[in-house]
């Protein structure tokens, strides 16, 4: 099942971090004690990692978008150069491409 952009949000990241900090270590400890080779208990771990990575990439793209828009406005008022605007556009395009590529290939582990 494909992950969607809307799922890369701060609530999901907070849930993921809580799982990685609280639940995952105990799962790994318990797995070591029982000798179980089942990876089913670790699926949440991989999904949370993907969610966190997606959130970070999304936030980076949004930040670069705001920076680009700010520099466009500053340029319009004569406070930023065209080179600054061009660099901000490139930074945004690269961040957006990284996020879009991630979303295109983001599937839940199940």
N, C-alpha and C. Protein backbone atom coordinates (compact mmCIF):
# COMPACT_ATOMS: atom_id res chain seq x y z
N UNK A 1 0.85 -1.17 0.00
CA UNK A 1 0.00 0.00 0.00
C UNK A 1 0.90 1.24 0.00
N UNK A 2 0.60 2.18 -0.86
CA UNK A 2 1.41 3.39 -1.01
C UNK A 2 1.12 4.37 0.12
N UNK A 3 2.16 5.03 0.58
CA UNK A 3 2.02 6.08 1.58
C UNK A 3 1.60 7.36 0.87
N UNK A 4 0.89 8.23 1.57
CA UNK A 4 0.41 9.48 0.98
C UNK A 4 1.06 10.66 1.68
N UNK A 5 1.16 11.77 0.96
CA UNK A 5 1.81 12.97 1.49
C UNK A 5 1.20 13.41 2.81
N UNK A 6 -0.09 13.33 2.93
CA UNK A 6 -0.77 13.81 4.14
C UNK A 6 -0.33 13.04 5.39
N UNK A 7 0.20 11.84 5.20
CA UNK A 7 0.63 11.03 6.33
C UNK A 7 1.97 11.48 6.91
N UNK A 8 2.68 12.34 6.21
CA UNK A 8 3.96 12.84 6.69
C UNK A 8 3.72 14.13 7.47
N UNK A 9 3.27 13.96 8.71
CA UNK A 9 2.92 15.12 9.53
C UNK A 9 3.51 14.96 10.93
N UNK A 10 3.42 16.02 11.70
CA UNK A 10 4.07 16.03 13.01
C UNK A 10 3.48 15.00 13.98
N UNK A 11 2.19 14.73 13.91
CA UNK A 11 1.58 13.73 14.79
C UNK A 11 2.16 12.36 14.51
N UNK A 12 2.27 12.01 13.23
CA UNK A 12 2.83 10.70 12.86
C UNK A 12 4.29 10.60 13.28
N UNK A 13 5.02 11.70 13.14
CA UNK A 13 6.42 11.70 13.57
C UNK A 13 6.52 11.51 15.08
N UNK A 14 5.68 12.20 15.82
CA UNK A 14 5.69 12.04 17.28
C UNK A 14 5.35 10.61 17.67
N UNK A 15 4.35 10.02 17.01
CA UNK A 15 4.00 8.62 17.28
C UNK A 15 5.17 7.70 16.94
N UNK A 16 5.82 7.98 15.82
CA UNK A 16 6.95 7.16 15.39
C UNK A 16 8.11 7.25 16.37
N UNK A 17 8.41 8.44 16.81
CA UNK A 17 9.50 8.60 17.77
C UNK A 17 9.18 7.90 19.09
N UNK A 18 7.92 8.02 19.53
CA UNK A 18 7.52 7.33 20.75
C UNK A 18 7.71 5.82 20.58
N UNK A 19 7.31 5.30 19.44
CA UNK A 19 7.47 3.87 19.18
C UNK A 19 8.95 3.48 19.17
N UNK A 20 9.77 4.27 18.49
CA UNK A 20 11.19 3.94 18.40
C UNK A 20 11.89 4.04 19.76
N UNK A 21 11.44 4.98 20.58
CA UNK A 21 12.08 5.18 21.89
C UNK A 21 11.55 4.21 22.95
N UNK A 22 10.26 3.91 22.89
CA UNK A 22 9.64 3.12 23.96
C UNK A 22 9.39 1.66 23.57
N UNK A 23 8.71 1.46 22.45
CA UNK A 23 8.27 0.11 22.08
C UNK A 23 9.37 -0.72 21.41
N UNK A 24 10.07 -0.14 20.45
CA UNK A 24 11.05 -0.91 19.67
C UNK A 24 12.15 -1.54 20.54
N UNK A 25 12.73 -0.81 21.48
CA UNK A 25 13.77 -1.47 22.30
C UNK A 25 13.24 -2.68 23.05
N UNK A 26 12.02 -2.59 23.57
CA UNK A 26 11.45 -3.73 24.30
C UNK A 26 11.17 -4.88 23.34
N UNK A 27 10.70 -4.59 22.15
CA UNK A 27 10.46 -5.64 21.16
C UNK A 27 11.77 -6.36 20.84
N UNK A 28 12.84 -5.60 20.66
CA UNK A 28 14.14 -6.20 20.36
C UNK A 28 14.66 -7.04 21.52
N UNK A 29 14.45 -6.55 22.74
CA UNK A 29 14.87 -7.31 23.93
C UNK A 29 14.08 -8.62 24.00
N UNK A 30 12.76 -8.51 23.85
CA UNK A 30 11.91 -9.71 23.92
C UNK A 30 12.25 -10.69 22.81
N UNK A 31 12.53 -10.20 21.63
CA UNK A 31 12.86 -11.06 20.50
C UNK A 31 14.15 -11.81 20.80
N UNK A 32 15.11 -11.13 21.41
CA UNK A 32 16.36 -11.77 21.75
C UNK A 32 16.19 -12.86 22.79
N UNK A 33 15.26 -12.66 23.70
CA UNK A 33 15.02 -13.66 24.76
C UNK A 33 14.34 -14.91 24.21
N UNK A 34 13.40 -14.72 23.29
CA UNK A 34 12.63 -15.86 22.79
C UNK A 34 13.31 -16.55 21.63
N UNK A 35 14.26 -15.85 20.98
CA UNK A 35 14.92 -16.44 19.82
C UNK A 35 14.03 -16.46 18.60
N UNK A 36 12.91 -15.75 18.65
CA UNK A 36 11.97 -15.70 17.54
C UNK A 36 12.62 -15.04 16.33
N UNK A 37 12.41 -15.64 15.19
CA UNK A 37 12.96 -15.08 13.95
C UNK A 37 11.91 -14.29 13.18
N UNK A 38 10.73 -14.12 13.73
CA UNK A 38 9.65 -13.39 13.07
C UNK A 38 9.99 -11.91 12.99
N UNK A 39 9.83 -11.34 11.82
CA UNK A 39 10.07 -9.91 11.65
C UNK A 39 8.78 -9.12 11.73
N UNK A 40 7.68 -9.79 11.97
CA UNK A 40 6.38 -9.12 12.02
C UNK A 40 6.35 -8.00 13.04
N UNK A 41 6.99 -8.20 14.17
CA UNK A 41 6.97 -7.19 15.23
C UNK A 41 7.77 -5.96 14.86
N UNK A 42 8.62 -6.06 13.86
CA UNK A 42 9.45 -4.91 13.45
C UNK A 42 8.85 -4.11 12.31
N UNK A 43 7.71 -4.55 11.77
CA UNK A 43 7.11 -3.82 10.64
C UNK A 43 6.78 -2.39 11.02
N UNK A 44 6.25 -2.19 12.21
CA UNK A 44 5.95 -0.84 12.66
C UNK A 44 7.19 0.03 12.69
N UNK A 45 8.29 -0.57 13.08
CA UNK A 45 9.57 0.14 13.14
C UNK A 45 9.92 0.71 11.76
N UNK A 46 9.86 -0.13 10.73
CA UNK A 46 10.20 0.32 9.38
C UNK A 46 9.21 1.37 8.87
N UNK A 47 7.94 1.20 9.17
CA UNK A 47 6.94 2.17 8.72
C UNK A 47 7.14 3.52 9.41
N UNK A 48 7.46 3.49 10.70
CA UNK A 48 7.71 4.75 11.40
C UNK A 48 8.96 5.44 10.86
N UNK A 49 9.99 4.68 10.54
CA UNK A 49 11.18 5.28 9.96
C UNK A 49 10.87 5.97 8.63
N UNK A 50 10.06 5.32 7.81
CA UNK A 50 9.67 5.93 6.53
C UNK A 50 8.87 7.20 6.76
N UNK A 51 7.97 7.16 7.73
CA UNK A 51 7.15 8.34 8.02
C UNK A 51 8.03 9.50 8.48
N UNK A 52 8.98 9.22 9.33
CA UNK A 52 9.87 10.27 9.83
C UNK A 52 10.71 10.83 8.69
N UNK A 53 11.26 9.95 7.85
CA UNK A 53 12.06 10.42 6.71
C UNK A 53 11.20 11.28 5.77
N UNK A 54 9.99 10.83 5.50
CA UNK A 54 9.09 11.61 4.63
C UNK A 54 8.76 12.97 5.22
N UNK A 55 8.53 13.00 6.52
CA UNK A 55 8.22 14.27 7.18
C UNK A 55 9.39 15.24 7.08
N UNK A 56 10.59 14.74 7.31
CA UNK A 56 11.78 15.60 7.24
C UNK A 56 11.95 16.14 5.81
N UNK A 57 11.79 15.28 4.82
CA UNK A 57 11.92 15.72 3.42
C UNK A 57 10.82 16.72 3.06
N UNK A 58 9.62 16.49 3.55
CA UNK A 58 8.50 17.40 3.27
C UNK A 58 8.76 18.77 3.90
N UNK A 59 9.21 18.77 5.16
CA UNK A 59 9.49 20.03 5.83
C UNK A 59 10.61 20.79 5.12
N UNK A 60 11.61 20.08 4.64
CA UNK A 60 12.70 20.71 3.89
C UNK A 60 12.16 21.39 2.63
N UNK A 61 11.29 20.71 1.90
CA UNK A 61 10.71 21.29 0.69
C UNK A 61 9.86 22.51 1.02
N UNK A 62 9.07 22.43 2.08
CA UNK A 62 8.24 23.57 2.47
C UNK A 62 9.09 24.76 2.91
N UNK A 63 10.16 24.49 3.61
CA UNK A 63 11.08 25.56 4.03
C UNK A 63 11.70 26.24 2.82
N UNK A 64 12.17 25.44 1.88
CA UNK A 64 12.78 26.01 0.67
C UNK A 64 11.76 26.79 -0.16
N UNK A 65 10.50 26.37 -0.14
CA UNK A 65 9.44 27.11 -0.84
C UNK A 65 9.26 28.48 -0.22
N UNK A 66 9.20 28.54 1.10
CA UNK A 66 9.03 29.81 1.79
C UNK A 66 10.23 30.72 1.57
N UNK A 67 11.42 30.14 1.62
CA UNK A 67 12.63 30.93 1.36
C UNK A 67 12.62 31.50 -0.05
N UNK A 68 12.22 30.68 -1.01
CA UNK A 68 12.13 31.14 -2.40
C UNK A 68 11.14 32.30 -2.53
N UNK A 69 9.96 32.12 -1.95
CA UNK A 69 8.94 33.17 -2.04
C UNK A 69 9.39 34.46 -1.36
N UNK A 70 10.06 34.33 -0.24
CA UNK A 70 10.59 35.50 0.46
C UNK A 70 11.61 36.25 -0.40
N UNK A 71 12.51 35.51 -1.02
CA UNK A 71 13.51 36.15 -1.87
C UNK A 71 12.89 36.77 -3.12
N UNK A 72 11.86 36.16 -3.66
CA UNK A 72 11.16 36.76 -4.80
C UNK A 72 10.56 38.10 -4.38
N UNK A 73 9.94 38.13 -3.21
CA UNK A 73 9.36 39.38 -2.72
C UNK A 73 10.44 40.41 -2.42
N UNK A 74 11.53 40.00 -1.82
CA UNK A 74 12.63 40.93 -1.56
C UNK A 74 13.21 41.47 -2.86
N UNK A 75 13.32 40.62 -3.86
CA UNK A 75 13.82 41.06 -5.16
C UNK A 75 12.88 42.09 -5.77
N UNK A 76 11.62 41.85 -5.64
CA UNK A 76 10.62 42.78 -6.18
C UNK A 76 10.76 44.16 -5.53
N UNK A 77 11.19 44.18 -4.28
CA UNK A 77 11.37 45.44 -3.56
C UNK A 77 12.80 45.97 -3.66
N UNK A 78 13.64 45.26 -4.41
CA UNK A 78 15.01 45.71 -4.60
C UNK A 78 15.96 45.34 -3.49
N UNK A 79 15.60 44.37 -2.68
CA UNK A 79 16.43 43.99 -1.52
C UNK A 79 17.17 42.67 -1.71
N UNK A 80 16.97 42.01 -2.83
CA UNK A 80 17.67 40.74 -3.11
C UNK A 80 18.01 40.70 -4.58
N UNK A 81 19.09 40.04 -4.89
CA UNK A 81 19.54 39.97 -6.28
C UNK A 81 18.82 38.85 -7.03
N UNK A 82 18.90 38.93 -8.34
CA UNK A 82 18.33 37.86 -9.17
C UNK A 82 19.08 36.55 -8.94
N UNK A 83 20.37 36.65 -8.64
CA UNK A 83 21.16 35.45 -8.35
C UNK A 83 20.66 34.77 -7.07
N UNK A 84 20.29 35.57 -6.06
CA UNK A 84 19.74 35.01 -4.83
C UNK A 84 18.43 34.27 -5.11
N UNK A 85 17.59 34.89 -5.94
CA UNK A 85 16.31 34.28 -6.29
C UNK A 85 16.54 32.99 -7.06
N UNK A 86 17.46 33.03 -8.01
CA UNK A 86 17.75 31.83 -8.81
C UNK A 86 18.27 30.69 -7.93
N UNK A 87 19.14 31.01 -6.98
CA UNK A 87 19.67 29.99 -6.07
C UNK A 87 18.56 29.41 -5.20
N UNK A 88 17.66 30.26 -4.74
CA UNK A 88 16.54 29.79 -3.91
C UNK A 88 15.60 28.90 -4.72
N UNK A 89 15.40 29.23 -5.98
CA UNK A 89 14.55 28.40 -6.85
C UNK A 89 15.18 27.03 -7.06
N UNK A 90 16.48 27.00 -7.26
CA UNK A 90 17.18 25.72 -7.43
C UNK A 90 17.08 24.88 -6.15
N UNK A 91 17.30 25.52 -5.01
CA UNK A 91 17.22 24.81 -3.73
C UNK A 91 15.82 24.23 -3.52
N UNK A 92 14.80 25.01 -3.86
CA UNK A 92 13.43 24.51 -3.72
C UNK A 92 13.17 23.35 -4.68
N UNK A 93 13.55 23.52 -5.94
CA UNK A 93 13.32 22.46 -6.92
C UNK A 93 14.01 21.15 -6.51
N UNK A 94 15.21 21.25 -5.98
CA UNK A 94 15.93 20.05 -5.54
C UNK A 94 15.24 19.40 -4.34
N UNK A 95 14.83 20.20 -3.38
CA UNK A 95 14.15 19.65 -2.19
C UNK A 95 12.81 19.03 -2.58
N UNK A 96 12.09 19.69 -3.47
CA UNK A 96 10.81 19.15 -3.94
C UNK A 96 11.02 17.84 -4.68
N UNK A 97 12.04 17.78 -5.51
CA UNK A 97 12.32 16.55 -6.26
C UNK A 97 12.67 15.40 -5.31
N UNK A 98 13.46 15.68 -4.26
CA UNK A 98 13.79 14.63 -3.30
C UNK A 98 12.54 14.10 -2.60
N UNK A 99 11.66 15.02 -2.20
CA UNK A 99 10.44 14.60 -1.52
C UNK A 99 9.52 13.83 -2.47
N UNK A 100 9.35 14.34 -3.68
CA UNK A 100 8.47 13.66 -4.64
C UNK A 100 8.99 12.27 -4.98
N UNK A 101 10.29 12.14 -5.13
CA UNK A 101 10.89 10.82 -5.40
C UNK A 101 10.65 9.87 -4.22
N UNK A 102 10.78 10.40 -3.02
CA UNK A 102 10.53 9.58 -1.84
C UNK A 102 9.08 9.11 -1.81
N UNK A 103 8.13 10.03 -2.01
CA UNK A 103 6.70 9.68 -1.96
C UNK A 103 6.36 8.68 -3.06
N UNK A 104 6.96 8.86 -4.22
CA UNK A 104 6.69 7.95 -5.34
C UNK A 104 7.05 6.51 -4.98
N UNK A 105 8.06 6.33 -4.17
CA UNK A 105 8.55 5.00 -3.83
C UNK A 105 8.24 4.58 -2.39
N UNK A 106 7.40 5.33 -1.69
CA UNK A 106 7.10 5.04 -0.29
C UNK A 106 5.91 4.10 -0.18
N UNK A 107 6.18 2.90 0.28
CA UNK A 107 5.14 1.90 0.50
C UNK A 107 5.27 1.40 1.94
N UNK A 108 4.14 1.04 2.51
CA UNK A 108 4.15 0.45 3.85
C UNK A 108 4.79 -0.93 3.81
N UNK A 109 5.52 -1.25 4.84
CA UNK A 109 6.02 -2.61 5.02
C UNK A 109 4.91 -3.39 5.69
N UNK A 110 4.55 -4.51 5.11
CA UNK A 110 3.53 -5.33 5.76
C UNK A 110 3.67 -6.78 5.44
